[in-house]
């Protein structure tokens, strides 16, 4: 996923997407137990999860900053 696509999502959507990617990562891990693991898939999924976590943190920090300014 591109960061611009992730930034367009709300926090609930991001949490759902992160959970979905974690399930995919786990499924790929289990597939790799019986066969040769495809490390490129692991790398892509891990990076997407990290991007989502980073953007969630950015959004929360921005919301907290706006609350300080308002109140």
N, C-alpha and C. Protein backbone atom coordinates (compact mmCIF):
# COMPACT_ATOMS: atom_id res chain seq x y z
N UNK A 1 0.84 -1.18 0.00
CA UNK A 1 0.00 0.00 0.00
C UNK A 1 0.88 1.24 0.00
N UNK A 2 0.37 2.26 -0.62
CA UNK A 2 1.08 3.53 -0.63
C UNK A 2 0.68 4.34 0.60
N UNK A 3 1.59 5.15 1.12
CA UNK A 3 1.26 5.97 2.28
C UNK A 3 0.08 6.91 2.03
N UNK A 4 -0.06 7.40 0.81
CA UNK A 4 -1.18 8.30 0.51
C UNK A 4 -2.51 7.57 0.64
N UNK A 5 -2.55 6.30 0.25
CA UNK A 5 -3.77 5.50 0.39
C UNK A 5 -4.08 5.27 1.87
N UNK A 6 -3.06 5.04 2.65
CA UNK A 6 -3.24 4.77 4.07
C UNK A 6 -3.73 6.03 4.79
N UNK A 7 -3.18 7.18 4.43
CA UNK A 7 -3.56 8.44 5.09
C UNK A 7 -5.02 8.81 4.86
N UNK A 8 -5.60 8.34 3.77
CA UNK A 8 -6.99 8.64 3.47
C UNK A 8 -7.96 7.87 4.37
N UNK A 9 -7.50 6.80 5.00
CA UNK A 9 -8.36 5.96 5.83
C UNK A 9 -8.50 6.56 7.23
N UNK A 10 -9.63 6.25 7.90
CA UNK A 10 -9.81 6.71 9.28
C UNK A 10 -9.17 5.70 10.23
N UNK A 11 -9.14 6.03 11.51
CA UNK A 11 -8.45 5.18 12.48
C UNK A 11 -9.06 3.79 12.58
N UNK A 12 -10.38 3.69 12.50
CA UNK A 12 -11.04 2.38 12.57
C UNK A 12 -10.67 1.53 11.36
N UNK A 13 -10.65 2.16 10.19
CA UNK A 13 -10.27 1.45 8.98
C UNK A 13 -8.82 0.99 9.03
N UNK A 14 -7.97 1.83 9.61
CA UNK A 14 -6.56 1.47 9.74
C UNK A 14 -6.37 0.29 10.69
N UNK A 15 -7.13 0.28 11.78
CA UNK A 15 -7.03 -0.83 12.72
C UNK A 15 -7.49 -2.13 12.06
N UNK A 16 -8.55 -2.05 11.28
CA UNK A 16 -9.05 -3.24 10.57
C UNK A 16 -8.04 -3.72 9.54
N UNK A 17 -7.45 -2.79 8.81
CA UNK A 17 -6.46 -3.15 7.79
C UNK A 17 -5.22 -3.78 8.43
N UNK A 18 -4.80 -3.23 9.57
CA UNK A 18 -3.64 -3.79 10.27
C UNK A 18 -3.93 -5.23 10.71
N UNK A 19 -5.12 -5.46 11.25
CA UNK A 19 -5.49 -6.81 11.68
C UNK A 19 -5.51 -7.77 10.49
N UNK A 20 -6.04 -7.29 9.36
CA UNK A 20 -6.08 -8.12 8.16
C UNK A 20 -4.68 -8.49 7.69
N UNK A 21 -3.77 -7.51 7.69
CA UNK A 21 -2.40 -7.77 7.26
C UNK A 21 -1.67 -8.71 8.22
N UNK A 22 -1.96 -8.57 9.51
CA UNK A 22 -1.34 -9.47 10.49
C UNK A 22 -1.81 -10.91 10.27
N UNK A 23 -3.09 -11.08 9.95
CA UNK A 23 -3.61 -12.42 9.66
C UNK A 23 -2.93 -13.00 8.41
N UNK A 24 -2.76 -12.16 7.39
CA UNK A 24 -2.09 -12.62 6.18
C UNK A 24 -0.64 -13.01 6.48
N UNK A 25 0.03 -12.21 7.30
CA UNK A 25 1.42 -12.50 7.66
C UNK A 25 1.52 -13.84 8.39
N UNK A 26 0.60 -14.06 9.30
CA UNK A 26 0.60 -15.32 10.04
C UNK A 26 0.31 -16.50 9.11
N UNK A 27 -0.64 -16.33 8.20
CA UNK A 27 -0.96 -17.39 7.24
C UNK A 27 0.25 -17.71 6.37
N UNK A 28 0.96 -16.69 5.93
CA UNK A 28 2.16 -16.91 5.13
C UNK A 28 3.24 -17.61 5.94
N UNK A 29 3.32 -17.26 7.21
CA UNK A 29 4.29 -17.91 8.08
C UNK A 29 3.99 -19.41 8.19
N UNK A 30 2.71 -19.73 8.35
CA UNK A 30 2.34 -21.14 8.46
C UNK A 30 2.58 -21.88 7.15
N UNK A 31 2.35 -21.22 6.03
CA UNK A 31 2.63 -21.84 4.73
C UNK A 31 4.12 -22.14 4.60
N UNK A 32 4.94 -21.27 5.12
CA UNK A 32 6.38 -21.41 5.01
C UNK A 32 6.93 -22.55 5.84
N UNK A 33 6.15 -23.02 6.81
CA UNK A 33 6.61 -24.14 7.63
C UNK A 33 6.76 -25.41 6.80
N UNK A 34 5.91 -25.58 5.81
CA UNK A 34 5.93 -26.82 5.03
C UNK A 34 6.70 -26.68 3.72
N UNK A 35 6.90 -25.49 3.27
CA UNK A 35 7.58 -25.27 1.99
C UNK A 35 8.61 -24.17 2.16
N UNK A 36 9.27 -23.86 1.09
CA UNK A 36 10.25 -22.78 1.10
C UNK A 36 9.53 -21.45 1.28
N UNK A 37 9.82 -20.70 2.33
CA UNK A 37 9.12 -19.42 2.55
C UNK A 37 9.51 -18.37 1.51
N UNK A 38 8.54 -17.57 1.16
CA UNK A 38 8.79 -16.46 0.23
C UNK A 38 9.03 -15.21 1.05
N UNK A 39 10.28 -14.87 1.21
CA UNK A 39 10.63 -13.77 2.10
C UNK A 39 10.16 -12.42 1.59
N UNK A 40 9.98 -12.28 0.28
CA UNK A 40 9.51 -11.00 -0.24
C UNK A 40 8.10 -10.68 0.25
N UNK A 41 7.28 -11.70 0.44
CA UNK A 41 5.92 -11.48 0.94
C UNK A 41 5.97 -11.02 2.39
N UNK A 42 6.82 -11.67 3.20
CA UNK A 42 6.97 -11.26 4.59
C UNK A 42 7.42 -9.81 4.68
N UNK A 43 8.39 -9.47 3.87
CA UNK A 43 8.95 -8.11 3.88
C UNK A 43 7.88 -7.09 3.53
N UNK A 44 7.09 -7.37 2.49
CA UNK A 44 6.05 -6.44 2.05
C UNK A 44 4.98 -6.26 3.13
N UNK A 45 4.53 -7.38 3.71
CA UNK A 45 3.49 -7.30 4.74
C UNK A 45 3.99 -6.55 5.98
N UNK A 46 5.22 -6.84 6.39
CA UNK A 46 5.78 -6.16 7.56
C UNK A 46 5.91 -4.66 7.33
N UNK A 47 6.32 -4.28 6.12
CA UNK A 47 6.46 -2.85 5.82
C UNK A 47 5.10 -2.16 5.79
N UNK A 48 4.09 -2.84 5.24
CA UNK A 48 2.75 -2.26 5.23
C UNK A 48 2.21 -2.08 6.65
N UNK A 49 2.44 -3.06 7.51
CA UNK A 49 2.01 -2.94 8.90
C UNK A 49 2.73 -1.77 9.58
N UNK A 50 4.02 -1.64 9.34
CA UNK A 50 4.79 -0.54 9.92
C UNK A 50 4.29 0.82 9.42
N UNK A 51 3.96 0.90 8.12
CA UNK A 51 3.42 2.16 7.58
C UNK A 51 2.11 2.53 8.26
N UNK A 52 1.25 1.54 8.44
CA UNK A 52 -0.03 1.80 9.10
C UNK A 52 0.19 2.27 10.52
N UNK A 53 1.07 1.62 11.27
CA UNK A 53 1.34 2.02 12.65
C UNK A 53 1.89 3.44 12.71
N UNK A 54 2.77 3.77 11.78
CA UNK A 54 3.35 5.11 11.75
C UNK A 54 2.28 6.16 11.50
N UNK A 55 1.41 5.91 10.56
CA UNK A 55 0.37 6.89 10.22
C UNK A 55 -0.66 6.99 11.34
N UNK A 56 -0.96 5.89 12.02
CA UNK A 56 -1.87 5.95 13.18
C UNK A 56 -1.25 6.84 14.25
N UNK A 57 0.04 6.68 14.50
CA UNK A 57 0.72 7.51 15.49
C UNK A 57 0.69 8.98 15.08
N UNK A 58 0.92 9.26 13.79
CA UNK A 58 0.86 10.64 13.30
C UNK A 58 -0.52 11.24 13.51
N UNK A 59 -1.55 10.47 13.19
CA UNK A 59 -2.93 10.97 13.32
C UNK A 59 -3.28 11.23 14.78
N UNK A 60 -2.85 10.34 15.67
CA UNK A 60 -3.13 10.53 17.09
C UNK A 60 -2.39 11.75 17.64
N UNK A 61 -1.16 11.95 17.21
CA UNK A 61 -0.39 13.11 17.66
C UNK A 61 -1.01 14.40 17.14
N UNK A 62 -1.47 14.37 15.91
CA UNK A 62 -2.12 15.55 15.33
C UNK A 62 -3.40 15.87 16.08
N UNK A 63 -4.18 14.85 16.41
CA UNK A 63 -5.43 15.06 17.14
C UNK A 63 -5.14 15.60 18.54
N UNK A 64 -4.12 15.09 19.19
CA UNK A 64 -3.76 15.56 20.52
C UNK A 64 -3.29 17.01 20.47
N UNK A 65 -2.54 17.35 19.44
CA UNK A 65 -2.06 18.72 19.28
C UNK A 65 -3.23 19.68 19.05
N UNK A 66 -4.19 19.27 18.24
CA UNK A 66 -5.36 20.10 17.99
C UNK A 66 -6.19 20.29 19.25
N UNK A 67 -6.28 19.24 20.08
CA UNK A 67 -7.00 19.35 21.35
C UNK A 67 -6.33 20.34 22.29
N UNK A 68 -5.00 20.37 22.29
CA UNK A 68 -4.27 21.31 23.13
C UNK A 68 -4.50 22.74 22.67
N UNK A 69 -4.54 22.93 21.37
CA UNK A 69 -4.74 24.27 20.81
C UNK A 69 -6.15 24.75 21.12
N UNK A 70 -7.14 23.88 21.00
CA UNK A 70 -8.53 24.25 21.24
C UNK A 70 -8.83 24.47 22.72
N UNK A 71 -8.27 23.63 23.55
CA UNK A 71 -8.68 23.65 24.94
C UNK A 71 -7.65 24.08 25.86
